[in-house]
N, C-alpha and C. Protein backbone atom coordinates (compact mmCIF):
# COMPACT_ATOMS: atom_id res chain seq x y z
N VAL A 1 20.12 170.64 -110.08
CA VAL A 1 20.74 171.46 -109.08
C VAL A 1 21.30 170.54 -108.00
N LYS A 2 22.58 170.70 -107.76
CA LYS A 2 23.24 169.91 -106.72
C LYS A 2 23.12 170.63 -105.38
N PRO A 3 23.11 169.90 -104.29
CA PRO A 3 23.15 170.57 -102.98
C PRO A 3 24.49 171.31 -102.83
N PHE A 4 24.42 172.45 -102.28
CA PHE A 4 25.64 173.23 -102.09
C PHE A 4 25.68 173.74 -100.66
N GLU A 5 26.83 174.20 -100.29
CA GLU A 5 27.06 174.69 -98.94
C GLU A 5 27.56 176.12 -99.03
N TYR A 6 27.07 176.95 -98.18
CA TYR A 6 27.45 178.36 -98.20
C TYR A 6 27.83 178.76 -96.79
N GLY A 7 28.90 179.49 -96.62
CA GLY A 7 29.31 179.93 -95.30
C GLY A 7 30.48 180.88 -95.38
N LEU A 8 30.93 181.29 -94.21
CA LEU A 8 32.08 182.18 -94.11
C LEU A 8 33.22 181.45 -93.43
N ARG A 9 34.40 181.73 -93.87
CA ARG A 9 35.60 181.21 -93.23
C ARG A 9 36.31 182.39 -92.59
N LEU A 10 36.40 182.36 -91.27
CA LEU A 10 37.05 183.46 -90.57
C LEU A 10 38.56 183.36 -90.73
N VAL A 11 39.15 184.45 -91.13
CA VAL A 11 40.60 184.52 -91.23
C VAL A 11 41.15 185.31 -90.05
N TYR A 12 40.56 186.47 -89.79
CA TYR A 12 40.93 187.31 -88.66
C TYR A 12 39.68 187.99 -88.12
N ILE A 13 39.74 188.38 -86.87
CA ILE A 13 38.64 189.09 -86.24
C ILE A 13 39.18 190.46 -85.83
N TYR A 14 38.41 191.48 -86.15
CA TYR A 14 38.81 192.83 -85.77
C TYR A 14 37.76 193.41 -84.83
N GLU A 15 38.16 193.63 -83.59
CA GLU A 15 37.33 194.34 -82.62
C GLU A 15 38.26 194.93 -81.58
N GLY A 16 38.63 196.17 -81.80
CA GLY A 16 39.59 196.80 -80.90
C GLY A 16 41.00 196.26 -81.09
N GLY A 17 41.24 195.54 -82.13
CA GLY A 17 42.52 194.92 -82.44
C GLY A 17 42.28 193.76 -83.39
N ILE A 18 43.35 193.15 -83.84
CA ILE A 18 43.23 192.03 -84.77
C ILE A 18 43.52 190.74 -84.01
N PHE A 19 42.60 189.77 -84.11
CA PHE A 19 42.72 188.52 -83.38
C PHE A 19 42.58 187.34 -84.34
N SER A 20 43.15 186.24 -83.93
CA SER A 20 43.01 184.98 -84.65
C SER A 20 41.64 184.39 -84.33
N PRO A 21 41.07 183.59 -85.21
CA PRO A 21 39.77 182.95 -84.91
C PRO A 21 39.82 181.99 -83.72
N ASP A 22 41.01 181.64 -83.27
CA ASP A 22 41.13 180.72 -82.13
C ASP A 22 40.55 181.31 -80.85
N VAL A 23 40.41 182.65 -80.79
CA VAL A 23 39.86 183.25 -79.58
C VAL A 23 38.39 182.88 -79.40
N LEU A 24 37.74 182.40 -80.45
CA LEU A 24 36.33 182.01 -80.35
C LEU A 24 36.16 180.58 -79.86
N LYS A 25 37.25 179.82 -79.73
CA LYS A 25 37.17 178.43 -79.29
C LYS A 25 37.21 178.38 -77.76
N ILE A 26 36.11 178.79 -77.14
CA ILE A 26 36.01 178.84 -75.69
C ILE A 26 35.11 177.69 -75.25
N THR A 27 35.60 176.90 -74.30
CA THR A 27 34.80 175.78 -73.79
C THR A 27 34.09 176.19 -72.51
N ASP A 28 33.17 175.35 -72.08
CA ASP A 28 32.47 175.60 -70.82
C ASP A 28 33.45 175.59 -69.64
N ALA A 29 34.45 174.75 -69.71
CA ALA A 29 35.45 174.70 -68.64
C ALA A 29 36.23 176.01 -68.55
N ASP A 30 36.54 176.60 -69.72
CA ASP A 30 37.23 177.90 -69.72
C ASP A 30 36.37 178.97 -69.06
N LEU A 31 35.09 178.99 -69.41
CA LEU A 31 34.18 179.98 -68.83
C LEU A 31 34.04 179.78 -67.32
N ALA A 32 33.92 178.53 -66.89
CA ALA A 32 33.78 178.25 -65.46
C ALA A 32 35.04 178.66 -64.70
N ALA A 33 36.20 178.42 -65.29
CA ALA A 33 37.45 178.80 -64.63
C ALA A 33 37.57 180.31 -64.51
N LYS A 34 37.21 181.03 -65.55
CA LYS A 34 37.27 182.50 -65.51
C LYS A 34 36.27 183.05 -64.50
N PHE A 35 35.08 182.45 -64.44
CA PHE A 35 34.07 182.89 -63.48
C PHE A 35 34.56 182.65 -62.05
N ALA A 36 35.13 181.48 -61.79
CA ALA A 36 35.64 181.16 -60.46
C ALA A 36 36.77 182.11 -60.08
N GLU A 37 37.62 182.45 -61.04
CA GLU A 37 38.70 183.40 -60.78
C GLU A 37 38.13 184.77 -60.40
N GLY A 38 37.09 185.20 -61.11
CA GLY A 38 36.45 186.47 -60.80
C GLY A 38 35.81 186.48 -59.43
N VAL A 39 35.15 185.38 -59.07
CA VAL A 39 34.55 185.28 -57.74
C VAL A 39 35.63 185.34 -56.67
N GLY A 40 36.76 184.72 -56.93
CA GLY A 40 37.88 184.78 -55.98
C GLY A 40 38.39 186.20 -55.80
N PHE A 41 38.48 186.95 -56.90
CA PHE A 41 38.91 188.35 -56.81
C PHE A 41 37.90 189.19 -56.02
N VAL A 42 36.61 188.95 -56.24
CA VAL A 42 35.58 189.68 -55.50
C VAL A 42 35.67 189.35 -54.01
N ALA A 43 35.87 188.08 -53.69
CA ALA A 43 35.98 187.67 -52.29
C ALA A 43 37.21 188.32 -51.64
N ALA A 44 38.33 188.30 -52.34
CA ALA A 44 39.55 188.89 -51.78
C ALA A 44 39.38 190.39 -51.56
N LEU A 45 38.78 191.07 -52.52
CA LEU A 45 38.57 192.50 -52.40
C LEU A 45 37.62 192.82 -51.25
N SER A 46 36.52 192.08 -51.16
CA SER A 46 35.56 192.36 -50.10
C SER A 46 36.13 192.03 -48.72
N LEU A 47 36.96 190.99 -48.62
CA LEU A 47 37.61 190.70 -47.35
C LEU A 47 38.62 191.78 -46.97
N GLY A 48 39.35 192.27 -47.98
CA GLY A 48 40.33 193.32 -47.72
C GLY A 48 39.70 194.63 -47.30
N VAL A 49 38.55 194.95 -47.88
CA VAL A 49 37.87 196.20 -47.57
C VAL A 49 37.02 196.06 -46.31
N GLY A 50 36.64 194.83 -45.98
CA GLY A 50 35.84 194.59 -44.79
C GLY A 50 34.34 194.64 -45.04
N ILE A 51 33.95 194.43 -46.28
CA ILE A 51 32.53 194.42 -46.64
C ILE A 51 32.11 192.97 -46.87
N LEU A 52 31.01 192.58 -46.24
CA LEU A 52 30.52 191.21 -46.39
C LEU A 52 29.76 191.07 -47.70
N THR A 53 30.18 190.12 -48.52
CA THR A 53 29.48 189.81 -49.75
C THR A 53 29.21 188.32 -49.78
N GLU A 54 28.42 187.90 -50.75
CA GLU A 54 28.12 186.48 -50.87
C GLU A 54 29.39 185.69 -51.19
N ALA A 55 30.32 186.30 -51.91
CA ALA A 55 31.56 185.62 -52.27
C ALA A 55 32.48 185.44 -51.06
N SER A 56 32.42 186.36 -50.10
CA SER A 56 33.32 186.29 -48.95
C SER A 56 32.67 185.65 -47.73
N LEU A 57 31.41 185.28 -47.83
CA LEU A 57 30.68 184.76 -46.67
C LEU A 57 31.32 183.50 -46.10
N SER A 58 31.73 182.57 -46.95
CA SER A 58 32.31 181.32 -46.44
C SER A 58 33.61 181.58 -45.69
N SER A 59 34.42 182.51 -46.18
CA SER A 59 35.68 182.83 -45.49
C SER A 59 35.42 183.50 -44.14
N VAL A 60 34.40 184.35 -44.07
CA VAL A 60 34.07 185.01 -42.81
C VAL A 60 33.56 184.00 -41.80
N ILE A 61 32.71 183.08 -42.24
CA ILE A 61 32.19 182.05 -41.33
C ILE A 61 33.32 181.15 -40.85
N LEU A 62 34.22 180.77 -41.75
CA LEU A 62 35.35 179.93 -41.36
C LEU A 62 36.25 180.66 -40.35
N GLY A 63 36.49 181.94 -40.59
CA GLY A 63 37.30 182.72 -39.64
C GLY A 63 36.64 182.80 -38.28
N GLY A 64 35.32 182.97 -38.26
CA GLY A 64 34.60 182.99 -36.99
C GLY A 64 34.66 181.65 -36.27
N PHE A 65 34.55 180.56 -37.04
CA PHE A 65 34.64 179.23 -36.42
C PHE A 65 36.04 178.99 -35.85
N LYS A 66 37.06 179.48 -36.54
CA LYS A 66 38.43 179.36 -36.00
C LYS A 66 38.55 180.09 -34.67
N ASN A 67 37.93 181.27 -34.59
CA ASN A 67 37.96 182.03 -33.33
C ASN A 67 37.22 181.29 -32.23
N VAL A 68 36.07 180.68 -32.57
CA VAL A 68 35.31 179.91 -31.58
C VAL A 68 36.14 178.72 -31.10
N CYS A 69 36.81 178.04 -32.02
CA CYS A 69 37.67 176.90 -31.63
C CYS A 69 38.82 177.35 -30.74
N ALA A 70 39.45 178.47 -31.08
CA ALA A 70 40.55 178.97 -30.25
C ALA A 70 40.07 179.34 -28.86
N LEU A 71 38.91 179.97 -28.77
CA LEU A 71 38.36 180.33 -27.47
C LEU A 71 37.98 179.09 -26.68
N ALA A 72 37.40 178.09 -27.33
CA ALA A 72 37.02 176.85 -26.64
C ALA A 72 38.26 176.12 -26.12
N LEU A 73 39.33 176.12 -26.89
CA LEU A 73 40.56 175.48 -26.43
C LEU A 73 41.17 176.23 -25.26
N GLU A 74 41.17 177.55 -25.34
CA GLU A 74 41.77 178.37 -24.28
C GLU A 74 40.98 178.24 -22.98
N ALA A 75 39.65 178.19 -23.09
CA ALA A 75 38.80 178.09 -21.90
C ALA A 75 38.61 176.64 -21.45
N ASP A 76 39.17 175.70 -22.21
CA ASP A 76 39.04 174.27 -21.94
C ASP A 76 37.56 173.86 -21.90
N PHE A 77 36.81 174.41 -22.85
CA PHE A 77 35.39 174.12 -23.00
C PHE A 77 35.23 173.36 -24.31
N ILE A 78 35.41 172.04 -24.25
CA ILE A 78 35.45 171.23 -25.46
C ILE A 78 34.12 170.51 -25.61
N GLU A 79 33.25 171.06 -26.44
CA GLU A 79 31.92 170.50 -26.67
C GLU A 79 31.71 170.11 -28.13
N PHE A 80 32.58 170.54 -29.03
CA PHE A 80 32.42 170.28 -30.45
C PHE A 80 33.37 169.17 -30.88
N PRO A 81 32.95 168.30 -31.78
CA PRO A 81 33.86 167.25 -32.27
C PRO A 81 35.10 167.83 -32.95
N GLN A 82 34.95 168.96 -33.64
CA GLN A 82 36.09 169.58 -34.30
C GLN A 82 37.11 170.07 -33.27
N VAL A 83 36.61 170.62 -32.17
CA VAL A 83 37.52 171.12 -31.12
C VAL A 83 38.22 169.94 -30.45
N GLU A 84 37.53 168.81 -30.32
CA GLU A 84 38.16 167.63 -29.73
C GLU A 84 39.34 167.17 -30.59
N LYS A 85 39.17 167.19 -31.92
CA LYS A 85 40.28 166.80 -32.80
C LYS A 85 41.44 167.78 -32.68
N ILE A 86 41.13 169.05 -32.59
CA ILE A 86 42.20 170.05 -32.44
C ILE A 86 42.93 169.85 -31.12
N LYS A 87 42.17 169.58 -30.05
CA LYS A 87 42.77 169.34 -28.73
C LYS A 87 43.69 168.12 -28.77
N GLU A 88 43.24 167.05 -29.45
CA GLU A 88 44.10 165.86 -29.60
C GLU A 88 45.39 166.23 -30.31
N PHE A 89 45.29 167.03 -31.36
CA PHE A 89 46.47 167.41 -32.11
C PHE A 89 47.42 168.26 -31.27
N VAL A 90 46.87 169.21 -30.52
CA VAL A 90 47.71 170.09 -29.70
C VAL A 90 48.40 169.30 -28.60
N ASP A 91 47.70 168.32 -28.02
CA ASP A 91 48.28 167.52 -26.94
C ASP A 91 49.40 166.62 -27.44
N ASP A 92 49.19 165.94 -28.57
CA ASP A 92 50.21 165.01 -29.07
C ASP A 92 50.13 164.96 -30.60
N PRO A 93 50.87 165.83 -31.29
CA PRO A 93 50.79 165.89 -32.76
C PRO A 93 51.20 164.58 -33.45
N GLU A 94 52.20 163.89 -32.91
CA GLU A 94 52.66 162.66 -33.56
C GLU A 94 51.61 161.56 -33.50
N ALA A 95 50.94 161.43 -32.36
CA ALA A 95 49.89 160.42 -32.25
C ALA A 95 48.71 160.78 -33.14
N TRP A 96 48.40 162.07 -33.24
CA TRP A 96 47.30 162.52 -34.10
C TRP A 96 47.61 162.21 -35.56
N CYS A 97 48.86 162.47 -35.97
CA CYS A 97 49.25 162.19 -37.36
C CYS A 97 49.20 160.69 -37.64
N ALA A 98 49.57 159.88 -36.69
CA ALA A 98 49.50 158.43 -36.87
C ALA A 98 48.05 157.96 -36.97
N LYS A 99 47.17 158.59 -36.19
CA LYS A 99 45.76 158.19 -36.16
C LYS A 99 45.02 158.65 -37.41
N TYR A 100 45.24 159.92 -37.81
CA TYR A 100 44.48 160.50 -38.92
C TYR A 100 45.29 160.62 -40.21
N GLY A 101 46.48 160.09 -40.26
CA GLY A 101 47.28 160.14 -41.47
C GLY A 101 47.80 161.55 -41.77
N GLY A 102 48.66 162.03 -40.91
CA GLY A 102 49.22 163.38 -41.05
C GLY A 102 49.89 163.58 -42.38
N GLY A 103 49.76 164.77 -42.91
CA GLY A 103 50.20 165.05 -44.28
C GLY A 103 51.65 165.42 -44.36
N GLY A 104 52.49 164.58 -44.85
CA GLY A 104 53.92 164.78 -44.92
C GLY A 104 54.37 166.04 -45.59
N GLY A 105 53.82 166.51 -46.65
CA GLY A 105 54.30 167.72 -47.28
C GLY A 105 55.45 167.47 -48.25
N GLY A 106 56.27 166.48 -48.01
CA GLY A 106 57.29 166.08 -48.95
C GLY A 106 58.51 166.97 -49.02
N GLY A 107 58.64 167.93 -48.14
CA GLY A 107 59.80 168.82 -48.19
C GLY A 107 61.01 168.18 -47.58
N ASP A 108 62.17 168.74 -47.90
CA ASP A 108 63.41 168.20 -47.33
C ASP A 108 63.91 169.05 -46.17
N GLY A 109 63.08 169.96 -45.70
CA GLY A 109 63.48 170.77 -44.55
C GLY A 109 64.09 172.09 -44.94
N GLY A 110 64.17 172.40 -46.20
CA GLY A 110 64.71 173.71 -46.62
C GLY A 110 66.21 173.71 -46.72
N GLY A 111 66.70 174.90 -46.98
CA GLY A 111 68.13 175.12 -46.96
C GLY A 111 68.81 174.75 -48.16
């Protein structure tokens, strides 16, 4: 008796339609990308509706910090290092870009 091999060769998959076997070739990167996309949709929906979720928490905290920075700049109460950098930028954007390597963007100005 020789060793033999037994198995199935998928030609098509039928589940609510006919699919090629290539749909089963899903990598971990594909799954992670789809999951991240779903989390982004949940965050966008919860931000739009105004409900705090774990997915939207970072955006809410960032928005609150932006408001704190704006208030600190308006009241001239500069106690945070982040607010100091913003104040430097508002006072002299060209010097700030030279110091911190301002991001060119690469555009030609439109038109």
